[in-house]
Protein backbone atom coordinates (compact mmCIF):
# COMPACT_ATOMS: atom_id res chain seq x y z
CA MET A 1 48.31 55.29 90.64
CA VAL A 2 52.04 55.03 91.01
CA LEU A 3 52.54 58.37 89.27
CA THR A 4 49.97 60.05 91.48
CA GLY A 5 51.49 58.63 94.63
CA THR A 6 54.96 59.68 93.56
CA LYS A 7 53.80 63.20 92.76
CA GLN A 8 52.09 63.51 96.11
CA GLY A 9 55.14 62.14 97.88
CA HIS A 10 57.39 64.75 96.27
CA SER A 11 55.02 67.64 96.84
CA SER A 12 54.33 66.95 100.50
CA LEU A 13 56.73 68.66 102.91
CA SER A 14 57.03 68.07 106.62
CA PRO A 15 55.95 71.05 108.74
CA VAL A 16 59.15 70.67 110.78
CA SER A 17 61.40 70.88 107.68
CA VAL A 18 59.49 73.93 106.38
CA SER A 19 59.79 75.64 109.76
CA SER A 20 63.53 74.90 110.05
CA GLU A 21 64.13 76.12 106.48
CA VAL A 22 62.28 79.37 107.11
CA SER A 23 64.17 79.83 110.39
CA SER A 24 67.51 79.22 108.63
CA ILE A 25 66.70 81.75 105.90
CA SER A 26 65.62 84.31 108.52
CA MET A 27 68.82 83.85 110.55
CA SER A 28 70.96 84.13 107.41
CA SER A 29 69.16 87.32 106.38
CA THR A 30 69.59 88.83 109.84
CA SER A 31 73.29 87.92 109.96
CA SER A 32 73.88 89.43 106.50
CA ARG A 33 72.07 92.62 107.51
CA LEU A 34 74.09 92.91 110.72
CA LYS A 35 77.30 92.37 108.74
CA TYR A 36 76.73 95.25 106.36
CA VAL A 37 75.26 97.54 109.02
CA SER A 38 78.32 97.00 111.25
CA LEU A 39 80.68 97.58 108.31
CA GLY A 40 78.88 100.82 107.41
CA VAL A 41 79.00 102.05 111.00
CA LEU A 42 82.72 101.19 111.14
CA VAL A 43 83.40 103.33 108.04
CA LEU A 44 81.52 106.28 109.58
CA GLN A 45 83.15 105.81 112.99
CA THR A 46 86.70 105.55 111.62
CA THR A 47 86.22 108.56 109.36
CA SER A 48 84.78 110.67 112.19
CA LEU A 49 87.54 109.60 114.58
CA VAL A 50 90.35 110.51 112.18
CA LEU A 51 88.92 113.96 111.49
CA THR A 52 88.03 114.69 115.13
CA MET A 53 91.38 113.47 116.41
CA ARG A 54 93.26 115.57 113.86
CA TYR A 55 91.20 118.61 114.85
CA SER A 56 91.76 117.98 118.56
CA ARG A 57 95.53 117.74 118.13
CA THR A 58 95.73 120.97 116.10
CA LEU A 59 93.24 122.97 118.18
CA GLN A 60 94.89 125.99 119.77
CA SER A 61 94.24 126.29 123.52
CA ASP A 62 95.67 128.25 126.42
CA GLY A 63 96.44 125.25 128.61
CA PRO A 64 98.41 122.05 127.96
CA ARG A 65 97.39 119.60 125.24
CA TYR A 66 95.61 116.45 126.42
CA LEU A 67 97.63 113.26 126.82
CA ALA A 68 96.94 110.65 124.14
CA SER A 69 97.76 107.86 126.61
CA SER A 70 95.10 109.08 129.04
CA ALA A 71 92.56 109.27 126.22
CA VAL A 72 93.21 105.59 125.47
CA VAL A 73 92.54 104.70 129.11
CA CYS A 74 89.34 106.76 129.22
CA ALA A 75 88.14 105.10 126.02
CA GLU A 76 88.69 101.65 127.55
CA VAL A 77 86.74 102.61 130.68
CA LEU A 78 83.89 103.97 128.58
CA LYS A 79 83.89 100.87 126.37
CA ILE A 80 83.71 98.55 129.40
CA ALA A 81 80.87 100.61 130.88
CA ALA A 82 78.94 100.54 127.58
CA CYS A 83 79.38 96.77 127.25
CA MET A 84 78.19 96.21 130.82
CA LEU A 85 75.13 98.32 130.07
CA LEU A 86 74.42 96.23 126.96
CA VAL A 87 74.77 92.98 128.94
CA PHE A 88 72.50 94.51 131.61
CA ARG A 89 69.92 95.18 128.89
CA GLU A 90 70.25 91.65 127.46
CA HIS A 91 69.30 90.24 130.86
CA SER A 92 66.17 92.36 131.28
CA PHE A 93 67.91 94.99 133.45
CA SER A 94 68.40 92.50 136.28
CA VAL A 95 71.32 93.35 138.58
CA ARG A 96 71.35 89.80 139.92
CA ALA A 97 71.56 88.31 136.41
CA LEU A 98 74.32 90.77 135.45
CA ASN A 99 76.40 89.84 138.50
CA ARG A 100 75.85 86.15 137.80
CA VAL A 101 76.95 86.39 134.16
CA LEU A 102 80.03 88.49 134.95
CA LYS A 103 81.03 86.07 137.73
CA GLU A 104 80.47 82.96 135.60
CA GLU A 105 82.18 84.22 132.45
CA ILE A 106 85.03 86.33 133.85
CA ILE A 107 85.87 85.24 137.39
CA ASN A 108 84.95 81.53 137.21
CA LYS A 109 86.65 81.03 133.83
CA PRO A 110 90.12 82.49 134.38
CA LEU A 111 91.77 80.53 131.55
CA LEU A 112 89.25 81.80 128.98
CA THR A 113 89.62 85.31 130.34
CA LEU A 114 93.41 85.09 130.11
CA LYS A 115 93.08 84.13 126.43
CA LEU A 116 91.89 87.68 125.79
CA ALA A 117 95.12 88.99 127.31
CA ILE A 118 96.95 87.66 124.23
CA PRO A 119 95.36 89.97 121.59
CA SER A 120 95.31 92.87 124.06
CA GLY A 121 99.02 92.47 124.81
CA ILE A 122 99.84 92.05 121.11
CA TYR A 123 97.99 95.26 120.26
CA THR A 124 100.08 97.07 122.88
CA LEU A 125 103.27 95.55 121.45
CA GLN A 126 102.14 96.55 117.97
CA ASN A 127 101.72 100.20 118.96
CA ASN A 128 105.25 100.27 120.39
CA LEU A 129 106.67 98.57 117.30
CA LEU A 130 105.06 101.15 115.04
CA TYR A 131 106.68 103.91 117.09
CA VAL A 132 110.07 102.22 116.56
CA ALA A 133 109.32 101.84 112.85
CA LEU A 134 108.37 105.50 112.40
CA SER A 135 111.54 106.55 114.21
CA ASN A 136 113.79 104.53 111.88
CA LEU A 137 112.04 104.61 108.49
CA ASP A 138 111.05 107.33 106.08
CA ALA A 139 107.29 107.87 105.70
CA ALA A 140 107.02 106.30 102.23
CA THR A 141 108.75 103.04 103.22
CA TYR A 142 106.67 102.81 106.38
CA GLN A 143 103.34 103.35 104.58
CA VAL A 144 104.03 100.79 101.88
CA THR A 145 105.42 98.13 104.21
CA TYR A 146 102.69 98.48 106.83
CA GLN A 147 100.03 97.63 104.24
CA LEU A 148 101.33 94.04 104.37
CA LYS A 149 99.01 93.66 107.37
CA ILE A 150 96.16 93.23 104.83
CA LEU A 151 97.83 90.10 103.44
CA THR A 152 98.95 88.75 106.83
CA THR A 153 95.35 89.03 108.06
CA ALA A 154 94.18 87.02 105.06
CA LEU A 155 96.90 84.39 105.60
CA PHE A 156 96.00 83.96 109.27
CA SER A 157 92.30 83.78 108.37
CA VAL A 158 93.03 80.91 105.98
CA SER A 159 95.36 79.05 108.35
CA MET A 160 93.56 79.60 111.67
CA LEU A 161 89.91 79.83 110.64
CA GLY A 162 89.97 77.59 107.58
CA LYS A 163 88.64 80.30 105.27
CA SER A 164 88.75 79.64 101.55
CA LEU A 165 89.64 82.58 99.30
CA GLY A 166 89.31 82.47 95.54
CA ILE A 167 91.72 83.88 92.98
CA TYR A 168 89.66 87.07 92.64
CA GLN A 169 89.72 87.64 96.40
CA TRP A 170 93.50 87.19 96.64
CA LEU A 171 93.92 89.54 93.69
CA SER A 172 91.63 92.11 95.32
CA LEU A 173 93.73 92.01 98.51
CA VAL A 174 96.91 92.75 96.54
CA ILE A 175 95.13 95.61 94.73
CA LEU A 176 93.80 96.92 98.06
CA MET A 177 97.27 96.86 99.61
CA THR A 178 98.69 98.75 96.62
CA GLY A 179 95.83 101.25 96.54
CA ILE A 180 95.91 102.17 100.23
CA ALA A 181 99.71 102.57 100.04
CA LEU A 182 99.27 105.06 97.19
CA VAL A 183 96.46 106.88 99.02
CA GLN A 184 98.75 107.45 102.01
CA TRP A 185 101.87 108.14 99.94
CA PRO A 186 103.53 111.27 101.35
CA THR A 187 103.66 114.36 99.20
CA GLU A 188 106.83 116.32 98.51
CA GLY A 189 106.09 118.69 101.36
CA THR A 190 105.65 115.94 103.93
CA SER A 191 108.43 113.65 102.76
CA SER A 192 111.32 116.09 103.01
CA THR A 193 113.07 114.21 105.79
CA LYS A 194 116.81 114.03 106.32
CA GLN A 195 117.74 110.77 104.67
CA GLU A 196 121.32 111.02 105.92
CA ASP A 197 120.06 110.56 109.49
CA LEU A 198 118.74 107.10 108.58
CA THR A 199 121.62 104.65 108.61
CA ALA A 200 121.42 101.16 107.13
CA GLY A 201 121.25 99.69 110.63
CA SER A 202 118.39 101.91 111.73
CA GLN A 203 116.46 101.24 108.52
CA LEU A 204 116.84 97.50 109.06
CA MET A 205 115.57 97.88 112.62
CA GLY A 206 112.61 99.92 111.41
CA LEU A 207 111.81 97.41 108.67
CA LEU A 208 111.92 94.49 111.10
CA ALA A 209 109.70 96.41 113.53
CA VAL A 210 107.02 97.13 110.93
CA LEU A 211 107.11 93.54 109.61
CA VAL A 212 106.61 92.15 113.12
CA ALA A 213 103.81 94.68 113.61
CA CYS A 214 102.11 93.45 110.41
CA PHE A 215 102.19 89.84 111.53
CA SER A 216 101.14 90.69 115.09
CA SER A 217 98.24 92.79 113.79
CA GLY A 218 96.99 89.96 111.57
CA PHE A 219 97.41 87.32 114.25
CA ALA A 220 95.76 89.33 117.04
CA GLY A 221 92.75 90.24 114.89
CA VAL A 222 92.15 86.69 113.65
CA TYR A 223 92.79 85.23 117.13
CA PHE A 224 90.10 87.51 118.58
CA GLU A 225 87.77 86.60 115.70
CA LYS A 226 88.33 82.89 116.44
CA ILE A 227 87.42 83.39 120.10
CA LEU A 228 84.31 85.40 119.23
CA LYS A 229 82.99 82.96 116.64
CA GLU A 230 83.70 79.84 118.68
CA SER A 231 82.10 81.31 121.79
CA LYS A 232 78.42 80.99 122.62
CA GLN A 233 78.61 83.95 124.97
CA SER A 234 77.67 87.51 124.08
CA VAL A 235 80.16 89.56 122.09
CA TRP A 236 79.83 92.25 124.76
CA ILE A 237 81.13 89.88 127.47
CA ARG A 238 84.19 89.16 125.36
CA ASN A 239 84.66 92.88 124.80
CA ILE A 240 84.58 93.47 128.57
CA GLN A 241 87.33 90.87 129.01
CA LEU A 242 89.41 92.44 126.24
CA GLY A 243 88.77 95.91 127.66
CA LEU A 244 89.96 94.92 131.15
CA PHE A 245 93.35 93.90 129.82
CA GLY A 246 93.42 96.93 127.54
CA LEU A 247 92.82 99.10 130.61
CA ILE A 248 95.69 97.45 132.49
CA PHE A 249 98.12 97.86 129.57
CA GLY A 250 96.83 101.39 128.96
CA LEU A 251 97.48 102.46 132.55
CA GLY A 252 100.97 100.98 132.25
CA GLY A 253 101.51 103.16 129.17
CA VAL A 254 100.30 106.28 130.99
CA PHE A 255 102.78 105.89 133.82
CA ALA A 256 105.61 104.73 131.53
CA TYR A 257 105.37 107.59 129.00
CA ASP A 258 103.51 110.42 130.80
CA GLY A 259 103.95 109.63 134.49
CA GLU A 260 105.67 112.92 135.35
CA ARG A 261 103.15 115.05 133.45
CA VAL A 262 100.25 113.25 135.15
CA GLN A 263 101.79 113.93 138.57
CA GLU A 264 102.24 117.60 137.70
CA LYS A 265 98.89 118.47 136.10
CA GLY A 266 96.67 115.43 136.46
CA LEU A 267 95.28 112.73 134.17
CA PHE A 268 92.65 114.97 132.55
CA GLN A 269 94.87 117.93 131.69
CA GLY A 270 93.86 119.71 128.49
CA TYR A 271 90.49 117.94 128.24
CA ASN A 272 87.57 119.75 126.58
CA HIS A 273 84.41 118.78 124.69
CA VAL A 274 86.41 117.90 121.58
CA THR A 275 88.66 115.60 123.60
CA TRP A 276 85.69 113.79 125.09
CA THR A 277 84.25 113.39 121.59
CA VAL A 278 87.49 111.68 120.55
CA VAL A 279 87.29 109.40 123.60
CA ALA A 280 83.66 108.51 122.85
CA LEU A 281 84.48 107.74 119.21
CA GLN A 282 87.41 105.56 120.26
CA ALA A 283 85.16 103.63 122.64
CA LEU A 284 82.53 103.26 119.92
CA GLY A 285 85.23 101.95 117.61
CA GLY A 286 86.01 99.12 120.02
CA LEU A 287 82.35 98.09 120.09
CA VAL A 288 81.89 98.34 116.32
CA ILE A 289 85.07 96.42 115.51
CA ALA A 290 83.97 93.60 117.81
CA ALA A 291 80.60 93.49 116.04
CA VAL A 292 82.28 93.52 112.60
CA ILE A 293 84.59 90.65 113.58
CA LYS A 294 81.62 88.71 115.00
CA TYR A 295 79.27 89.12 112.04
CA ALA A 296 81.78 89.68 109.19
CA ASP A 297 85.54 89.09 109.42
CA ASN A 298 88.89 90.84 109.72
CA ILE A 299 89.38 90.94 105.95
CA LEU A 300 86.17 92.92 105.41
CA LYS A 301 87.19 95.11 108.35
CA GLY A 302 90.33 95.98 106.37
CA PHE A 303 88.24 97.03 103.39
CA ALA A 304 86.00 99.20 105.59
CA THR A 305 89.03 100.85 107.18
CA SER A 306 90.57 101.52 103.76
CA ILE A 307 87.40 103.19 102.49
CA SER A 308 87.26 105.34 105.62
CA ILE A 309 90.83 106.54 104.95
CA ILE A 310 89.74 107.81 101.53
CA LEU A 311 86.61 109.45 102.96
CA SER A 312 88.48 111.17 105.78
CA THR A 313 91.13 112.43 103.35
CA LEU A 314 88.53 113.88 100.98
CA ILE A 315 86.58 115.49 103.84
CA SER A 316 89.86 116.89 105.15
CA TYR A 317 90.45 118.46 101.74
CA PHE A 318 86.99 120.02 101.42
CA LEU A 319 86.39 121.09 105.04
CA LEU A 320 89.73 121.37 106.87
CA GLU A 321 91.64 122.40 103.73
CA ASP A 322 94.83 120.79 105.04
CA PHE A 323 95.32 118.27 102.26
CA ASP A 324 96.09 118.69 98.57
CA PRO A 325 95.13 115.51 96.66
CA THR A 326 97.53 114.36 93.95
CA ARG A 327 97.21 112.05 90.97
CA VAL A 328 98.78 109.31 93.06
CA PHE A 329 96.01 109.71 95.63
CA PHE A 330 93.25 109.43 93.04
CA LEU A 331 94.94 106.39 91.49
CA GLY A 332 95.11 104.73 94.90
CA ALA A 333 91.47 105.60 95.63
CA MET A 334 90.37 104.02 92.34
CA LEU A 335 92.34 100.87 93.17
CA VAL A 336 90.74 100.62 96.64
CA ILE A 337 87.24 100.98 95.18
CA ALA A 338 88.01 98.44 92.44
CA ALA A 339 89.41 96.00 95.02
CA THR A 340 86.27 96.36 97.15
CA PHE A 341 84.03 95.34 94.25
CA LEU A 342 86.43 92.61 93.10
CA TYR A 343 86.50 90.99 96.55
CA GLY A 344 82.75 90.38 96.41
CA TYR A 345 82.85 89.11 92.82
CA GLU A 346 82.19 85.42 92.31
CA SER A 347 82.89 83.86 88.95
CA THR A 348 80.07 81.72 87.57
CA PRO A 349 81.16 78.34 86.23
CA ALA A 350 80.63 77.77 82.51
CA VAL A 351 77.69 75.53 81.60
CA ASN A 352 78.58 72.37 79.71
CA PRO A 353 76.13 72.08 76.77
CA SER A 354 76.39 68.29 76.78
CA LYS A 355 74.91 68.17 80.28
CA VAL A 356 71.97 70.44 79.54
């Protein structure tokens, strides 16, 4: 009788526990699916953007070339509009509900909104630092040094988010950093710069600029990830807040760098269908990156971006015929692919025969 009762007690499960377990498995499956879908879309988006942007900047036209600073502003406006449309859809296309959510989350929570100014401002600083770095470093030094952002992102993820990375994951990050540096290593034709123009002082300035850019890139990405994952609000609301500050900083860049040209020929000078495609892809990139950070993390975003660099380079070789791959490129590509598989590898602990 005791055995029967014990067997029945072990075999009987509460309907509530079964329901919660099924719900947990379903949520985990959905989150995993969203993670890999968002990563795949990011690879396609980044690859398309690189190729389209390169084509738009080399396209011969009669009028002036479009201003890159104005394209950034247009992309921010389009991203904000798309996010508002998604929030509108989440609330059953109710204008009243949309106004209420925007007021509660953006206007009535100024401190939380101002938190998004930090990554937005850092991204702007990063872009300026990279310009300084490129002006004071040769291409090879810049490409190798800037890949340190992969490791700084991992370090900030561990320190700020409490992530735990195994030995294989740390090793894969080092391999990834090496591989992507080799993939982007300049060829003899592109690296023939005048080394005598680069003094020791200017090289030091360039090196400091790119190092600060690496740390700012890692910090800003992980900081935004922390806000997204600790927030109960929609990722699209957070993207609207980030986009508002991006729009403000972007407009500042337009008037600081291209103010005279805008006054002469307008903000949309040189725009055509290719330019608007670039703007749309940039806006899509903002949405996809936010989704990747929400459902995956910044480290996986780095892997997706690295794979897209290889894809865009290969497509450039086969379609645009403006790239000649070298052995160094193929070595770097193999390292990136190996690092991608190694990052997802989990070692299985050895079974102790005495405990079997």
